[in-house]
Amino acid sequence: MRIFSCETHINHALDMFVAEQKTFPMLEKLLNEEKLSTNCTYCNERAIYIVASEE
């Protein structure tokens, strides 16, 4: 599971991940080139973070 999030929705993204996966996620900031083409899962703002399973 991967969730892309803007600054506004990061807490919601973390909560949703833990609720669905029953484990703590890895939280990383996106690289500048990734930010340009990636929108938040919950709105149309540019994503800043990715919340994902450890892989």
Protein backbone atom coordinates (compact mmCIF):
# COMPACT_ATOMS: atom_id res chain seq x y z
CA MET A 1 0.00 0.00 0.00
CA ARG A 2 1.27 3.45 -0.96
CA ILE A 3 -0.40 6.76 -0.16
CA PHE A 4 0.82 10.07 -1.55
CA SER A 5 0.07 13.04 0.68
CA CYS A 6 0.25 16.82 0.79
CA GLU A 7 1.07 18.65 4.04
CA THR A 8 -2.64 19.04 4.87
CA HIS A 9 -3.54 15.34 4.61
CA ILE A 10 -0.46 13.66 6.12
CA ASN A 11 -2.14 12.84 9.43
CA HIS A 12 -5.13 11.35 7.63
CA ALA A 13 -2.84 9.30 5.39
CA LEU A 14 -0.98 7.90 8.40
CA ASP A 15 -4.23 7.08 10.20
CA MET A 16 -5.69 5.34 7.13
CA PHE A 17 -2.54 3.29 6.60
CA VAL A 18 -2.45 2.06 10.21
CA ALA A 19 -6.20 1.30 10.17
CA GLU A 20 -5.98 -0.76 6.98
CA GLN A 21 -2.57 -2.43 7.36
CA LYS A 22 -2.48 -2.82 11.18
CA THR A 23 1.19 -1.82 11.17
CA PHE A 24 3.25 1.36 11.19
CA PRO A 25 4.26 2.78 7.80
CA MET A 26 7.43 4.21 6.45
CA LEU A 27 7.13 7.97 5.88
CA GLU A 28 9.40 9.63 3.33
CA LYS A 29 9.57 13.00 1.64
CA LEU A 30 9.31 12.82 -2.13
CA LEU A 31 12.26 13.92 -4.23
CA ASN A 32 11.83 17.17 -6.15
CA GLU A 33 11.37 15.42 -9.50
CA GLU A 34 8.71 13.11 -7.99
CA LYS A 35 6.81 16.08 -6.53
CA LEU A 36 6.28 17.59 -9.98
CA SER A 37 4.15 14.73 -11.27
CA THR A 38 2.53 13.31 -8.13
CA ASN A 39 -0.72 14.56 -6.58
CA CYS A 40 -2.06 13.91 -3.11
CA THR A 41 -4.30 10.84 -2.86
CA TYR A 42 -6.98 12.99 -1.12
CA CYS A 43 -6.89 16.24 -3.11
CA ASN A 44 -5.32 17.84 -6.19
CA GLU A 45 -2.40 19.46 -4.35
CA ARG A 46 1.14 18.31 -5.08
CA ALA A 47 2.21 15.43 -2.86
CA ILE A 48 5.12 16.04 -0.51
CA TYR A 49 5.17 12.70 1.32
CA ILE A 50 4.75 9.02 0.57
CA VAL A 51 3.38 6.71 3.24
CA ALA A 52 4.17 3.09 2.39
CA SER A 53 4.92 -0.38 3.68
CA GLU A 54 8.53 -1.12 4.45
CA GLU A 55 9.95 -2.99 1.48
